[in-house]
């Protein structure tokens, strides 16, 4: 099995941003055990910026891109030094690959125990949700951003990553990184280890995954209830007759969100027409369209229903 473990900033640093060596050592010991069991392990680690903040004695994390890049450069070497020392203790050598968010789909380890019914830091009645199925609406809900000031993530980003992984046919676990043997238990599907998101039965192709989650949306096409029903239940193409409103400025071949008239986004696709053509043809039957205008706003082969 190939395992991708995403370690958040707050999981491997203390409140001052200093790298927690004992935490890194624990994670690397689990990586070694997984390697011994025949698994391939990739660790995606945050912490470089926080390490830079601590190294330079800054009072708080800045927000501008240039300063963040500089801090990352300062902290990255310190972070890798700790990882290399921890891996060396188990006869392993680490290799570093620098990534930006769009380069990978990750499984998240965090400083929370999983997905809760409410923010457990603010609501004593919050309950851990142990399992989320691939078609569960929880994968589409809005969740909070990071409560701390050392990292840039939050539950919303974790849910987004879990959703991508689920549609890629990958089981995902959100769990507290400091839990004993968290990686081993997550791989072994041990009960009570955070929140498990099951893999979707219908695995999207790489192209459709790109359309659904990676391509930048250039606009939104709002459709009437009849068109939504046809798209979601019959797998047809989106025609001009079902279009109620067009938002944004896009060209043929661009990616757009597809939503109900209330603004509920339920699909994404590559448009076959420009925004100007879509607006002009909204609500019209195919026979009413000018010559040369594609009858399909989005072809069913270029459409992903969430």
Protein backbone atom coordinates (compact mmCIF):
# COMPACT_ATOMS: atom_id res chain seq x y z
CA UNK A 1 0.00 0.00 0.00
CA UNK A 2 1.15 3.54 -0.70
CA UNK A 3 0.47 5.81 2.27
CA UNK A 4 0.51 9.61 2.19
CA UNK A 5 0.53 11.22 5.65
CA UNK A 6 0.03 14.99 5.91
CA UNK A 7 1.41 16.43 9.14
CA UNK A 8 0.11 19.87 10.11
CA UNK A 9 2.19 22.67 11.56
CA UNK A 10 0.52 22.64 14.97
CA UNK A 11 1.15 18.90 15.25
CA UNK A 12 4.95 19.10 15.13
CA UNK A 13 5.68 22.49 16.69
CA UNK A 14 5.12 24.01 20.10
CA UNK A 15 3.38 27.32 20.75
CA UNK A 16 6.54 29.27 19.94
CA UNK A 17 6.90 27.46 16.61
CA UNK A 18 9.92 25.41 17.68
CA UNK A 19 10.00 21.98 16.06
CA UNK A 20 8.98 19.24 18.51
CA UNK A 21 11.74 16.67 18.03
CA UNK A 22 10.04 13.98 20.12
CA UNK A 23 6.94 14.24 17.93
CA UNK A 24 8.98 13.88 14.74
CA UNK A 25 10.83 10.92 16.24
CA UNK A 26 7.52 9.21 17.05
CA UNK A 27 6.21 9.73 13.52
CA UNK A 28 9.43 8.47 11.95
CA UNK A 29 9.35 5.35 14.15
CA UNK A 30 5.89 4.60 12.78
CA UNK A 31 7.12 5.24 9.24
CA UNK A 32 9.87 2.69 9.83
CA UNK A 33 7.34 0.13 11.08
CA UNK A 34 5.17 0.68 8.01
CA UNK A 35 8.19 0.28 5.75
CA UNK A 36 9.07 -2.98 7.49
CA UNK A 37 5.50 -4.15 6.78
CA UNK A 38 6.04 -3.55 3.07
CA UNK A 39 4.25 -0.22 2.66
CA UNK A 40 5.46 2.81 0.70
CA UNK A 41 5.30 5.94 2.85
CA UNK A 42 5.27 9.60 1.84
CA UNK A 43 5.22 12.25 4.55
CA UNK A 44 3.91 15.69 3.57
CA UNK A 45 5.04 17.95 6.37
CA UNK A 46 4.15 21.51 7.24
CA UNK A 47 6.19 23.41 9.79
CA UNK A 48 8.82 25.23 7.73
CA UNK A 49 7.25 28.68 8.07
CA UNK A 50 6.61 28.22 11.80
CA UNK A 51 10.20 27.06 12.21
CA UNK A 52 11.39 30.20 10.44
CA UNK A 53 9.24 32.41 12.66
CA UNK A 54 10.77 30.81 15.75
CA UNK A 55 14.33 30.94 14.39
CA UNK A 56 14.08 34.66 13.66
CA UNK A 57 12.34 35.43 16.94
CA UNK A 58 9.26 36.97 15.34
CA UNK A 59 6.29 37.66 17.59
CA UNK A 60 3.67 36.41 15.13
CA UNK A 61 3.21 34.76 11.76
CA UNK A 62 3.10 37.30 8.89
CA UNK A 63 0.61 37.07 6.04
CA UNK A 64 2.36 38.46 2.94
CA UNK A 65 3.68 35.93 0.42
CA UNK A 66 7.26 37.20 0.12
CA UNK A 67 7.89 37.10 3.87
CA UNK A 68 6.28 33.67 4.15
CA UNK A 69 8.58 32.37 1.41
CA UNK A 70 11.61 33.78 3.19
CA UNK A 71 10.55 32.22 6.49
CA UNK A 72 9.96 28.89 4.78
CA UNK A 73 13.50 29.01 3.39
CA UNK A 74 14.86 29.61 6.88
CA UNK A 75 12.76 26.92 8.56
CA UNK A 76 12.92 24.21 5.90
CA UNK A 77 16.54 23.25 6.51
CA UNK A 78 15.90 23.05 10.25
CA UNK A 79 12.81 20.91 9.71
CA UNK A 80 14.61 18.48 7.39
CA UNK A 81 17.53 18.22 9.80
CA UNK A 82 15.18 16.94 12.51
CA UNK A 83 13.48 14.50 10.13
CA UNK A 84 16.80 13.17 8.79
CA UNK A 85 18.13 12.54 12.29
CA UNK A 86 14.93 10.72 13.28
CA UNK A 87 14.92 8.57 10.13
CA UNK A 88 18.63 7.76 10.45
CA UNK A 89 17.94 6.15 13.82
CA UNK A 90 15.93 3.51 11.94
CA UNK A 91 18.39 3.07 9.08
CA UNK A 92 16.32 5.15 6.69
CA UNK A 93 17.33 8.04 4.47
CA UNK A 94 14.82 10.77 3.68
CA UNK A 95 14.52 12.50 0.32
CA UNK A 96 12.98 15.96 0.07
CA UNK A 97 10.56 17.11 -2.62
CA UNK A 98 9.11 20.61 -2.33
CA UNK A 99 5.45 20.84 -3.29
CA UNK A 100 2.76 23.44 -3.79
CA UNK A 101 -0.89 22.63 -2.93
CA UNK A 102 -1.96 21.68 -6.46
CA UNK A 103 0.83 19.10 -6.79
CA UNK A 104 -0.71 16.47 -4.55
CA UNK A 105 -3.76 14.95 -2.95
CA UNK A 106 -3.10 14.28 0.73
CA UNK A 107 -4.41 12.39 3.72
CA UNK A 108 -4.40 14.65 6.73
CA UNK A 109 -2.99 14.17 10.21
CA UNK A 110 -3.84 17.10 12.42
CA UNK A 111 -3.97 18.43 15.98
CA UNK A 112 -7.64 17.45 16.37
CA UNK A 113 -9.05 13.99 17.00
CA UNK A 114 -11.10 14.02 13.81
CA UNK A 115 -14.29 15.61 12.47
CA UNK A 116 -16.74 16.75 15.16
CA UNK A 117 -20.38 17.83 15.13
CA UNK A 118 -19.12 21.22 16.38
CA UNK A 119 -15.83 22.88 17.32
CA UNK A 120 -14.70 20.87 20.39
CA UNK A 121 -12.64 23.83 21.61
CA UNK A 122 -15.81 25.91 21.88
CA UNK A 123 -18.61 23.39 22.44
CA UNK A 124 -18.39 20.82 25.24
CA UNK A 125 -21.21 18.81 23.62
CA UNK A 126 -19.31 18.29 20.36
CA UNK A 127 -19.20 14.61 19.33
CA UNK A 128 -16.59 12.83 17.21
CA UNK A 129 -17.89 11.55 13.86
CA UNK A 130 -16.09 8.25 13.34
CA UNK A 131 -17.19 7.45 9.79
CA UNK A 132 -18.21 9.48 6.74
CA UNK A 133 -19.36 7.59 3.65
CA UNK A 134 -18.35 8.76 0.18
CA UNK A 135 -21.80 10.15 -0.68
CA UNK A 136 -22.39 11.78 2.70
CA UNK A 137 -23.32 15.47 2.56
CA UNK A 138 -20.72 16.11 5.26
CA UNK A 139 -18.09 16.12 2.53
CA UNK A 140 -19.70 19.25 1.12
CA UNK A 141 -20.33 21.24 4.29
CA UNK A 142 -18.50 24.39 5.24
CA UNK A 143 -16.20 23.94 8.22
CA UNK A 144 -13.99 26.19 10.29
CA UNK A 145 -10.55 27.51 9.49
CA UNK A 146 -7.52 26.89 11.69
CA UNK A 147 -8.01 28.03 15.26
CA UNK A 148 -4.29 28.56 15.79
CA UNK A 149 -1.90 31.15 14.40
CA UNK A 150 0.94 28.80 13.42
CA UNK A 151 -0.67 26.99 10.51
CA UNK A 152 -2.70 27.84 7.44
CA UNK A 153 -5.13 24.93 7.41
CA UNK A 154 -8.33 24.08 9.25
CA UNK A 155 -11.13 21.54 9.07
CA UNK A 156 -12.42 23.03 5.81
CA UNK A 157 -9.17 22.22 4.01
CA UNK A 158 -9.13 18.74 5.54
CA UNK A 159 -12.67 18.03 4.33
CA UNK A 160 -11.73 19.28 0.87
CA UNK A 161 -8.74 16.94 0.78
CA UNK A 162 -10.85 14.02 2.05
CA UNK A 163 -13.39 14.69 -0.68
CA UNK A 164 -10.73 14.61 -3.40
CA UNK A 165 -9.24 11.42 -1.99
CA UNK A 166 -12.64 9.75 -1.72
CA UNK A 167 -13.45 10.46 -5.37
CA UNK A 168 -9.99 9.12 -6.24
CA UNK A 169 -10.86 5.79 -4.63
CA UNK A 170 -8.74 6.40 -1.54
CA UNK A 171 -9.77 5.87 2.09
CA UNK A 172 -8.88 8.86 4.27
CA UNK A 173 -8.40 9.28 8.01
CA UNK A 174 -8.35 12.58 9.88
CA UNK A 175 -6.74 11.96 13.26
CA UNK A 176 -4.68 13.62 15.96
CA UNK A 177 -0.99 13.34 15.07
CA UNK A 178 0.04 13.04 18.71
CA UNK A 179 -2.09 9.96 19.28
CA UNK A 180 0.11 6.93 20.01
CA UNK A 181 0.74 4.85 16.87
CA UNK A 182 -1.66 7.01 14.87
CA UNK A 183 -0.19 6.07 11.48
CA UNK A 184 -0.14 2.36 12.24
CA UNK A 185 -3.73 2.39 13.51
CA UNK A 186 -4.97 4.51 10.59
CA UNK A 187 -3.46 2.08 8.08
CA UNK A 188 -4.82 -0.89 10.01
CA UNK A 189 -8.31 0.68 10.12
CA UNK A 190 -8.34 0.44 13.90
CA UNK A 191 -11.59 1.58 15.49
CA UNK A 192 -11.67 4.86 17.40
CA UNK A 193 -8.82 6.44 15.42
CA UNK A 194 -10.25 9.77 14.33
CA UNK A 195 -12.70 10.06 11.44
CA UNK A 196 -12.58 7.66 8.51
CA UNK A 197 -13.81 8.78 5.08
CA UNK A 198 -14.61 5.82 2.86
CA UNK A 199 -13.49 5.59 -0.76
CA UNK A 200 -16.12 6.39 -3.38
CA UNK A 201 -17.43 3.39 -5.33
CA UNK A 202 -17.30 5.41 -8.56
CA UNK A 203 -13.68 6.38 -9.06
CA UNK A 204 -13.19 9.38 -11.32
CA UNK A 205 -10.65 9.35 -14.14
CA UNK A 206 -7.63 11.62 -13.80
CA UNK A 207 -9.18 14.02 -16.31
CA UNK A 208 -12.46 14.29 -14.42
CA UNK A 209 -10.62 14.67 -11.11
CA UNK A 210 -8.80 17.61 -12.65
CA UNK A 211 -12.06 19.17 -13.82
CA UNK A 212 -13.76 18.61 -10.47
CA UNK A 213 -11.04 19.71 -8.08
CA UNK A 214 -7.98 21.24 -9.75
CA UNK A 215 -9.11 23.39 -12.66
CA UNK A 216 -9.88 27.00 -11.80
CA UNK A 217 -13.53 27.87 -12.25
CA UNK A 218 -14.04 30.84 -14.55
CA UNK A 219 -17.74 31.31 -13.89
CA UNK A 220 -21.03 29.76 -12.88
CA UNK A 221 -24.02 28.57 -14.89
CA UNK A 222 -27.30 28.52 -12.96
CA UNK A 223 -29.88 26.03 -14.21
CA UNK A 224 -33.58 25.51 -13.59
CA UNK A 225 -35.02 22.62 -11.58
CA UNK A 226 -35.82 20.57 -14.66
CA UNK A 227 -32.27 20.79 -15.96
CA UNK A 228 -30.86 19.88 -12.55
CA UNK A 229 -33.08 16.82 -12.37
CA UNK A 230 -32.05 15.74 -15.86
CA UNK A 231 -28.34 16.24 -15.17
CA UNK A 232 -28.30 14.43 -11.83
CA UNK A 233 -30.62 11.53 -12.63
CA UNK A 234 -30.29 10.88 -16.37
CA UNK A 235 -26.67 11.74 -17.11
CA UNK A 236 -27.47 14.05 -20.03
CA UNK A 237 -25.62 17.07 -21.41
CA UNK A 238 -26.55 20.58 -20.30
CA UNK A 239 -28.49 22.37 -23.05
CA UNK A 240 -29.22 26.09 -23.41
CA UNK A 241 -32.90 25.53 -22.62
CA UNK A 242 -32.07 24.63 -19.02
CA UNK A 243 -29.87 27.66 -18.36
CA UNK A 244 -31.42 30.32 -16.12
CA UNK A 245 -28.46 32.66 -15.55
CA UNK A 246 -24.79 32.96 -16.48
CA UNK A 247 -22.20 34.51 -14.18
CA UNK A 248 -18.60 35.33 -15.00
CA UNK A 249 -16.64 35.71 -18.21
CA UNK A 250 -15.40 32.49 -19.79
CA UNK A 251 -14.38 31.02 -23.12
CA UNK A 252 -15.21 27.66 -24.66
CA UNK A 253 -13.10 25.00 -22.95
CA UNK A 254 -13.00 26.77 -19.59
CA UNK A 255 -14.20 25.16 -16.37
CA UNK A 256 -17.39 26.45 -14.74
CA UNK A 257 -19.46 25.58 -11.70
CA UNK A 258 -23.04 24.49 -12.31
CA UNK A 259 -25.59 25.49 -9.69
CA UNK A 260 -29.30 25.66 -8.97
CA UNK A 261 -31.06 29.02 -9.13
CA UNK A 262 -30.53 29.30 -5.37
CA UNK A 263 -26.76 29.12 -5.87
CA UNK A 264 -26.24 25.52 -4.68
CA UNK A 265 -23.29 24.18 -6.71
CA UNK A 266 -23.92 20.53 -7.61
CA UNK A 267 -21.69 19.98 -10.64
CA UNK A 268 -18.68 21.19 -12.61
CA UNK A 269 -17.79 20.97 -16.25
CA UNK A 270 -15.95 22.24 -19.31
CA UNK A 271 -18.14 24.59 -21.33
CA UNK A 272 -18.56 24.22 -25.08
CA UNK A 273 -19.59 27.87 -25.56
CA UNK A 274 -18.47 31.31 -24.44
CA UNK A 275 -20.16 33.25 -21.66
CA UNK A 276 -21.60 35.62 -24.27
CA UNK A 277 -23.11 32.71 -26.21
CA UNK A 278 -24.42 31.09 -23.02
CA UNK A 279 -26.17 34.30 -21.95
CA UNK A 280 -27.65 34.86 -25.39
CA UNK A 281 -28.92 31.28 -25.56
CA UNK A 282 -30.19 30.98 -21.98
CA UNK A 283 -33.63 29.36 -21.94
CA UNK A 284 -33.73 28.83 -25.71
CA UNK A 285 -34.39 25.58 -27.54
CA UNK A 286 -31.67 24.24 -29.82
CA UNK A 287 -33.65 25.18 -32.97
CA UNK A 288 -33.70 28.80 -31.79
CA UNK A 289 -29.92 29.12 -31.57
CA UNK A 290 -27.91 30.95 -34.26
CA UNK A 291 -25.88 28.89 -36.72
CA UNK A 292 -22.46 27.92 -35.42
CA UNK A 293 -23.40 27.92 -31.72
CA UNK A 294 -22.89 24.56 -30.01
CA UNK A 295 -26.21 23.12 -28.84
CA UNK A 296 -24.60 21.81 -25.65
CA UNK A 297 -23.43 24.22 -22.99
CA UNK A 298 -21.58 21.37 -21.27
CA UNK A 299 -21.28 17.91 -22.84
CA UNK A 300 -22.00 15.02 -20.50
CA UNK A 301 -18.47 13.64 -21.04
CA UNK A 302 -17.10 16.89 -19.61
CA UNK A 303 -19.51 17.01 -16.67
CA UNK A 304 -19.00 15.88 -13.07
CA UNK A 305 -21.96 15.65 -10.70
CA UNK A 306 -21.02 15.95 -7.01
